[in-house]
Amino acid sequence: MKRLLFTITCILVCSYCGPCVQRAAAQTHESYLRSTPHQERIEHRAERLAALEQQIDSIVLSHNFEFNPQSVQIQPAGQLHMFANANFMTIVWRGTLDICLPYYTGIVAPYRYVVLNQVAPLLKNYLTVQTHYGWQVSFNTTLDDGNDYTFTYDIYSHGGATLTIASTWYNTVQYTGTITKIY
């Protein structure tokens, strides 16, 4: 009975305070927009974007980063699949690749779904090139199946990234996601 009474009290308080908190947040944002000149807001946004770009540059140049995918697509025009698994990722750390990603093998449909879950200790031809949109990082490695894979990360200055895995035996697979710093 005490739990029920406590739950009902919490619901009533939250239903009363929730709109007040939202209204206060909206008023704070609205007062910020009114009190801050347009040019000053533009400058603040430019500073935040420059700081983000500098952070992405630092992450890429350290050669230690984590890629967190959100979708996968078999190239050239396969179906786009979204992820709900936070365990899928690749980590580039001190010249090694730690990979846990779904992958589609085969040349023609039906493709076979596998999970690449391994560590590749040797990355060959590691290249980091700055582009007009951010960075491109690429390297080759051989995984446990003996197949040679080319990993190409297109890292955008806003933090988004695209990983393309090309193989000598299978179709190219492309992932979209984000790049984060390894802590």
Protein backbone atom coordinates (compact mmCIF):
# COMPACT_ATOMS: atom_id res chain seq x y z
CA MET A 1 0.00 0.00 0.00
CA LYS A 2 2.87 2.36 0.82
CA ARG A 3 4.46 1.69 -2.56
CA LEU A 4 1.19 2.43 -4.35
CA LEU A 5 0.74 5.67 -2.43
CA PHE A 6 4.34 6.66 -3.14
CA THR A 7 3.96 5.87 -6.87
CA ILE A 8 0.74 7.88 -7.16
CA THR A 9 2.34 10.82 -5.34
CA CYS A 10 5.34 10.73 -7.70
CA ILE A 11 3.09 10.64 -10.76
CA LEU A 12 1.06 13.61 -9.53
CA VAL A 13 4.16 15.66 -8.72
CA CYS A 14 5.78 14.85 -12.07
CA SER A 15 2.63 15.64 -14.02
CA TYR A 16 2.44 19.01 -12.27
CA CYS A 17 6.16 19.93 -12.43
CA GLY A 18 6.92 18.58 -15.91
CA PRO A 19 5.16 21.33 -17.89
CA CYS A 20 6.59 23.99 -15.54
CA VAL A 21 10.13 22.80 -16.16
CA GLN A 22 9.54 22.70 -19.92
CA ARG A 23 8.06 26.20 -19.83
CA ALA A 24 11.03 27.52 -17.83
CA ALA A 25 13.51 25.96 -20.27
CA ALA A 26 11.64 27.47 -23.22
CA GLN A 27 11.59 30.88 -21.54
CA THR A 28 15.33 30.69 -20.81
CA HIS A 29 16.06 29.84 -24.44
CA GLU A 30 13.69 32.55 -25.62
CA SER A 31 15.30 35.16 -23.35
CA TYR A 32 18.74 34.10 -24.64
CA LEU A 33 17.55 34.61 -28.21
CA ARG A 34 16.10 38.03 -27.39
CA SER A 35 19.05 39.29 -25.32
CA THR A 36 21.85 38.03 -27.59
CA PRO A 37 22.36 39.80 -30.90
CA HIS A 38 22.10 37.69 -34.04
CA GLN A 39 25.74 38.24 -35.00
CA GLU A 40 26.92 37.15 -31.55
CA ARG A 41 24.93 33.89 -31.78
CA ILE A 42 26.51 33.23 -35.18
CA GLU A 43 29.96 33.75 -33.67
CA HIS A 44 29.17 31.37 -30.77
CA ARG A 45 28.07 28.68 -33.21
CA ALA A 46 31.19 29.20 -35.33
CA GLU A 47 33.37 28.82 -32.21
CA ARG A 48 31.61 25.58 -31.22
CA LEU A 49 31.98 24.18 -34.75
CA ALA A 50 35.67 25.11 -34.85
CA ALA A 51 36.23 23.43 -31.46
CA LEU A 52 34.48 20.27 -32.72
CA GLU A 53 36.57 20.27 -35.90
CA GLN A 54 39.75 20.65 -33.84
CA GLN A 55 38.66 17.76 -31.60
CA ILE A 56 38.03 15.51 -34.63
CA ASP A 57 41.45 16.47 -36.05
CA SER A 58 43.07 15.52 -32.74
CA ILE A 59 41.26 12.17 -32.61
CA VAL A 60 42.23 11.24 -36.17
CA LEU A 61 45.86 12.33 -35.86
CA SER A 62 46.29 10.31 -32.65
CA HIS A 63 45.58 7.14 -34.73
CA ASN A 64 43.50 5.89 -31.76
CA PHE A 65 39.73 6.07 -32.24
CA GLU A 66 36.51 4.11 -32.04
CA PHE A 67 33.94 3.86 -34.83
CA ASN A 68 30.36 3.23 -33.68
CA PRO A 69 28.16 2.15 -36.61
CA GLN A 70 24.47 2.91 -36.88
CA SER A 71 23.69 1.31 -40.24
CA VAL A 72 25.13 -1.08 -42.83
CA GLN A 73 24.57 -1.44 -46.57
CA ILE A 74 25.97 -3.86 -49.13
CA GLN A 75 27.33 -1.93 -52.09
CA PRO A 76 26.50 -0.95 -54.76
CA ALA A 77 22.79 -0.72 -53.88
CA GLY A 78 21.86 -3.19 -51.16
CA GLN A 79 19.21 -2.79 -48.53
CA LEU A 80 20.06 -0.44 -45.65
CA HIS A 81 19.99 -2.15 -42.23
CA MET A 82 19.90 -0.14 -38.98
CA PHE A 83 21.62 -1.32 -35.78
CA ALA A 84 20.21 -1.56 -32.30
CA ASN A 85 23.29 -3.28 -30.84
CA ALA A 86 25.70 -0.99 -29.00
CA ASN A 87 28.36 -3.72 -29.00
CA PHE A 88 29.11 -3.32 -32.72
CA MET A 89 32.23 -1.19 -33.19
CA THR A 90 35.75 -1.01 -34.52
CA ILE A 91 38.67 0.30 -32.51
CA VAL A 92 41.92 1.43 -34.05
CA TRP A 93 44.44 1.45 -31.21
CA ARG A 94 48.25 1.50 -31.39
CA GLY A 95 48.47 -0.09 -34.81
CA THR A 96 45.89 -2.82 -34.21
CA LEU A 97 42.26 -3.20 -35.24
CA ASP A 98 39.71 -4.58 -32.79
CA ILE A 99 36.55 -5.31 -34.78
CA CYS A 100 33.06 -6.50 -33.87
CA LEU A 101 30.77 -5.83 -36.84
CA PRO A 102 28.10 -7.66 -38.79
CA TYR A 103 29.31 -8.45 -42.28
CA TYR A 104 27.74 -9.93 -45.38
CA THR A 105 29.75 -12.48 -47.35
CA GLY A 106 29.06 -13.68 -50.86
CA ILE A 107 29.13 -12.22 -54.34
CA VAL A 108 25.42 -12.49 -55.18
CA ALA A 109 22.27 -12.75 -53.09
CA PRO A 110 21.46 -14.47 -50.81
CA TYR A 111 24.35 -13.08 -48.80
CA ARG A 112 25.51 -14.88 -45.69
CA TYR A 113 25.39 -12.87 -42.46
CA VAL A 114 28.47 -13.24 -40.24
CA VAL A 115 29.93 -11.24 -37.38
CA LEU A 116 33.54 -10.16 -37.70
CA ASN A 117 34.71 -10.46 -34.10
CA GLN A 118 38.48 -10.49 -33.87
CA VAL A 119 41.66 -8.50 -33.41
CA ALA A 120 43.96 -7.78 -36.36
CA PRO A 121 47.42 -7.02 -34.97
CA LEU A 122 49.01 -5.86 -38.20
CA LEU A 123 47.68 -2.90 -40.21
CA LYS A 124 49.45 -2.44 -43.54
CA ASN A 125 49.57 0.73 -45.71
CA TYR A 126 48.09 2.97 -43.00
CA LEU A 127 47.29 6.34 -44.62
CA THR A 128 45.77 9.48 -43.12
CA VAL A 129 44.79 12.16 -45.65
CA GLN A 130 43.05 15.45 -44.94
CA THR A 131 40.22 16.16 -47.39
CA HIS A 132 37.83 19.05 -48.01
CA TYR A 133 35.18 17.37 -45.80
CA GLY A 134 37.46 16.13 -43.00
CA TRP A 135 39.77 13.11 -43.10
CA GLN A 136 40.23 9.80 -44.85
CA VAL A 137 41.99 6.99 -43.01
CA SER A 138 42.69 3.72 -44.82
CA PHE A 139 44.66 0.54 -44.23
CA ASN A 140 44.78 -3.13 -45.24
CA THR A 141 44.72 -6.16 -42.99
CA THR A 142 44.18 -9.89 -43.20
CA LEU A 143 41.55 -11.36 -40.91
CA ASP A 144 41.19 -14.95 -39.68
CA ASP A 145 39.57 -16.18 -42.90
CA GLY A 146 42.80 -15.38 -44.81
CA ASN A 147 41.05 -12.77 -46.92
CA ASP A 148 42.67 -9.35 -47.44
CA TYR A 149 40.39 -6.46 -46.39
CA THR A 150 40.75 -2.75 -47.08
CA PHE A 151 39.24 -0.47 -44.42
CA THR A 152 38.51 3.12 -45.44
CA TYR A 153 37.15 5.60 -42.92
CA ASP A 154 35.72 8.85 -44.29
CA ILE A 155 35.61 11.03 -41.18
CA TYR A 156 33.66 14.27 -41.43
CA SER A 157 34.58 17.36 -39.44
CA HIS A 158 31.15 17.28 -37.72
CA GLY A 159 31.90 13.88 -36.13
CA GLY A 160 30.04 11.61 -38.52
CA ALA A 161 31.89 8.87 -40.36
CA THR A 162 31.54 6.26 -43.05
CA LEU A 163 33.46 2.97 -42.96
CA THR A 164 33.86 1.05 -46.21
CA ILE A 165 35.21 -2.49 -46.05
CA ALA A 166 36.37 -3.81 -49.41
CA SER A 167 37.45 -7.40 -49.89
CA THR A 168 39.06 -9.39 -52.66
CA TRP A 169 36.37 -12.08 -52.50
CA TYR A 170 33.18 -10.36 -51.35
CA ASN A 171 31.10 -7.30 -52.19
CA THR A 172 31.98 -4.01 -50.55
CA VAL A 173 30.07 -3.25 -47.33
CA GLN A 174 29.55 0.32 -46.09
CA TYR A 175 28.72 1.44 -42.54
CA THR A 176 27.64 4.89 -41.32
CA GLY A 177 28.17 6.04 -37.77
CA THR A 178 30.29 8.25 -35.57
CA ILE A 179 33.92 8.53 -34.49
CA THR A 180 34.74 8.94 -30.82
CA LYS A 181 37.83 9.34 -28.73
CA ILE A 182 39.07 6.35 -26.77
CA TYR A 183 39.21 7.13 -23.06
